[in-house]
Amino acid sequence: MTPRTRPPSCICPNCNGFASAAITLGGRDRHGHLRTITANCPACHGTGTARRSTAREGARA
């Protein structure tokens, strides 16, 4: 018997799977390191995947 596989996760349509980005603030600190912040996708909160909906369009309850 073959092992069961998980269905592929849905990629977030807003960030296309690239959920986080490091953005430089310009300049360097006193140790010579670049100052950066991390910006996450507001739709998927930095996971890169979209939530699957359990209800299908057109399905009746």
N, C-alpha and C. Protein backbone atom coordinates (compact mmCIF):
# COMPACT_ATOMS: atom_id res chain seq x y z
N MET A 1 0.84 -1.17 0.00
CA MET A 1 0.00 0.00 0.00
C MET A 1 0.89 1.24 0.00
N THR A 2 0.56 2.19 -0.85
CA THR A 2 1.37 3.41 -0.93
C THR A 2 1.04 4.33 0.23
N PRO A 3 2.02 5.10 0.70
CA PRO A 3 1.74 6.04 1.80
C PRO A 3 0.84 7.17 1.31
N ARG A 4 0.03 7.65 2.20
CA ARG A 4 -0.87 8.75 1.87
C ARG A 4 -0.09 10.05 1.82
N THR A 5 -0.44 10.87 0.88
CA THR A 5 0.22 12.16 0.74
C THR A 5 -0.75 13.26 1.11
N ARG A 6 -0.20 14.33 1.61
CA ARG A 6 -1.03 15.50 1.92
C ARG A 6 -1.31 16.26 0.65
N PRO A 7 -2.48 16.86 0.53
CA PRO A 7 -2.74 17.69 -0.64
C PRO A 7 -1.84 18.92 -0.61
N PRO A 8 -1.44 19.43 -1.77
CA PRO A 8 -0.56 20.60 -1.79
C PRO A 8 -1.25 21.80 -1.17
N SER A 9 -0.47 22.59 -0.45
CA SER A 9 -1.04 23.78 0.19
C SER A 9 -1.28 24.86 -0.85
N CYS A 10 -2.24 25.68 -0.57
CA CYS A 10 -2.57 26.79 -1.48
C CYS A 10 -1.60 27.94 -1.24
N ILE A 11 -1.04 28.44 -2.30
CA ILE A 11 -0.13 29.58 -2.20
C ILE A 11 -0.95 30.85 -2.09
N CYS A 12 -0.53 31.73 -1.23
CA CYS A 12 -1.23 32.99 -1.00
C CYS A 12 -1.25 33.80 -2.30
N PRO A 13 -2.43 34.23 -2.75
CA PRO A 13 -2.50 34.98 -4.00
C PRO A 13 -1.95 36.40 -3.89
N ASN A 14 -1.84 36.92 -2.69
CA ASN A 14 -1.36 38.30 -2.53
C ASN A 14 0.16 38.41 -2.60
N CYS A 15 0.86 37.44 -2.02
CA CYS A 15 2.32 37.53 -2.00
C CYS A 15 2.98 36.47 -2.87
N ASN A 16 2.19 35.59 -3.45
CA ASN A 16 2.67 34.54 -4.35
C ASN A 16 3.68 33.62 -3.66
N GLY A 17 3.51 33.41 -2.37
CA GLY A 17 4.37 32.50 -1.62
C GLY A 17 5.59 33.15 -0.99
N PHE A 18 5.91 34.38 -1.37
CA PHE A 18 7.05 35.10 -0.78
C PHE A 18 6.49 35.99 0.33
N ALA A 19 6.29 35.42 1.50
CA ALA A 19 5.51 36.06 2.55
C ALA A 19 6.27 37.09 3.38
N SER A 20 7.58 36.98 3.45
CA SER A 20 8.37 37.91 4.27
C SER A 20 9.47 38.53 3.44
N ALA A 21 9.78 39.76 3.75
CA ALA A 21 10.86 40.47 3.06
C ALA A 21 11.65 41.27 4.09
N ALA A 22 12.96 41.26 3.94
CA ALA A 22 13.82 42.07 4.80
C ALA A 22 14.06 43.40 4.08
N ILE A 23 13.75 44.49 4.76
CA ILE A 23 13.86 45.82 4.17
C ILE A 23 14.93 46.59 4.95
N THR A 24 15.87 47.15 4.21
CA THR A 24 16.91 47.92 4.88
C THR A 24 16.39 49.31 5.22
N LEU A 25 16.81 49.81 6.36
CA LEU A 25 16.39 51.14 6.80
C LEU A 25 17.37 52.21 6.35
N GLY A 26 18.45 51.80 5.74
CA GLY A 26 19.47 52.76 5.31
C GLY A 26 20.49 52.97 6.41
N GLY A 27 21.71 53.01 6.01
CA GLY A 27 22.78 53.21 6.99
C GLY A 27 23.11 51.94 7.74
N ARG A 28 24.08 52.07 8.63
CA ARG A 28 24.55 50.93 9.41
C ARG A 28 24.62 51.33 10.88
N ASP A 29 24.58 50.32 11.74
CA ASP A 29 24.70 50.60 13.16
C ASP A 29 26.18 50.76 13.53
N ARG A 30 26.49 50.94 14.80
CA ARG A 30 27.87 51.22 15.19
C ARG A 30 28.79 50.02 15.03
N HIS A 31 28.22 48.80 14.85
CA HIS A 31 29.02 47.60 14.63
C HIS A 31 29.24 47.33 13.14
N GLY A 32 28.62 48.13 12.28
CA GLY A 32 28.79 47.96 10.84
C GLY A 32 27.73 47.09 10.19
N HIS A 33 26.70 46.67 10.94
CA HIS A 33 25.64 45.84 10.38
C HIS A 33 24.55 46.70 9.77
N LEU A 34 23.96 46.19 8.68
CA LEU A 34 22.83 46.88 8.08
C LEU A 34 21.63 46.80 9.01
N ARG A 35 20.93 47.91 9.14
CA ARG A 35 19.71 47.91 9.95
C ARG A 35 18.56 47.48 9.05
N THR A 36 17.86 46.39 9.42
CA THR A 36 16.76 45.87 8.61
C THR A 36 15.54 45.63 9.48
N ILE A 37 14.38 45.61 8.83
CA ILE A 37 13.14 45.19 9.47
C ILE A 37 12.53 44.11 8.59
N THR A 38 11.68 43.29 9.17
CA THR A 38 10.99 42.24 8.42
C THR A 38 9.56 42.66 8.19
N ALA A 39 9.14 42.62 6.94
CA ALA A 39 7.76 42.95 6.58
C ALA A 39 7.06 41.67 6.15
N ASN A 40 5.93 41.38 6.79
CA ASN A 40 5.16 40.19 6.47
C ASN A 40 3.94 40.54 5.63
N CYS A 41 3.49 39.60 4.84
CA CYS A 41 2.28 39.77 4.03
C CYS A 41 1.08 39.93 4.97
N PRO A 42 0.27 40.96 4.79
CA PRO A 42 -0.86 41.16 5.69
C PRO A 42 -1.98 40.13 5.49
N ALA A 43 -2.03 39.50 4.33
CA ALA A 43 -3.11 38.54 4.06
C ALA A 43 -2.84 37.19 4.72
N CYS A 44 -1.61 36.69 4.64
CA CYS A 44 -1.30 35.36 5.19
C CYS A 44 -0.47 35.43 6.46
N HIS A 45 -0.13 36.62 6.91
CA HIS A 45 0.63 36.85 8.15
C HIS A 45 2.00 36.17 8.14
N GLY A 46 2.63 36.14 6.96
CA GLY A 46 3.99 35.63 6.86
C GLY A 46 4.12 34.13 6.68
N THR A 47 3.03 33.42 6.41
CA THR A 47 3.13 31.98 6.22
C THR A 47 3.34 31.60 4.76
N GLY A 48 2.83 32.41 3.83
CA GLY A 48 2.97 32.12 2.41
C GLY A 48 1.89 31.22 1.85
N THR A 49 0.99 30.76 2.72
CA THR A 49 -0.09 29.89 2.26
C THR A 49 -1.43 30.53 2.56
N ALA A 50 -2.40 30.24 1.72
CA ALA A 50 -3.75 30.73 1.92
C ALA A 50 -4.56 29.65 2.61
N ARG A 51 -5.54 30.06 3.36
CA ARG A 51 -6.39 29.11 4.05
C ARG A 51 -7.35 28.48 3.06
N ARG A 52 -7.50 27.17 3.17
CA ARG A 52 -8.46 26.47 2.31
C ARG A 52 -9.85 26.66 2.89
N SER A 53 -10.81 26.91 2.02
CA SER A 53 -12.18 27.00 2.50
C SER A 53 -12.81 25.62 2.42
N THR A 54 -13.61 25.29 3.41
CA THR A 54 -14.22 23.97 3.43
C THR A 54 -15.50 23.93 2.62
N ALA A 55 -16.15 25.07 2.45
CA ALA A 55 -17.39 25.10 1.68
C ALA A 55 -17.07 25.34 0.21
N ARG A 56 -17.73 24.61 -0.63
CA ARG A 56 -17.55 24.80 -2.05
C ARG A 56 -18.57 25.78 -2.59
N GLU A 57 -18.17 26.49 -3.61
CA GLU A 57 -19.08 27.44 -4.21
C GLU A 57 -20.21 26.68 -4.90
N GLY A 58 -21.43 27.07 -4.61
CA GLY A 58 -22.58 26.43 -5.23
C GLY A 58 -23.07 25.21 -4.47
N ALA A 59 -22.40 24.82 -3.40
CA ALA A 59 -22.85 23.65 -2.63
C ALA A 59 -23.98 24.04 -1.71
N ARG A 60 -24.90 23.15 -1.53
CA ARG A 60 -26.03 23.41 -0.64
C ARG A 60 -25.79 22.77 0.71
N ALA A 61 -26.27 23.41 1.73
CA ALA A 61 -26.09 22.88 3.09
C ALA A 61 -27.26 22.03 3.50
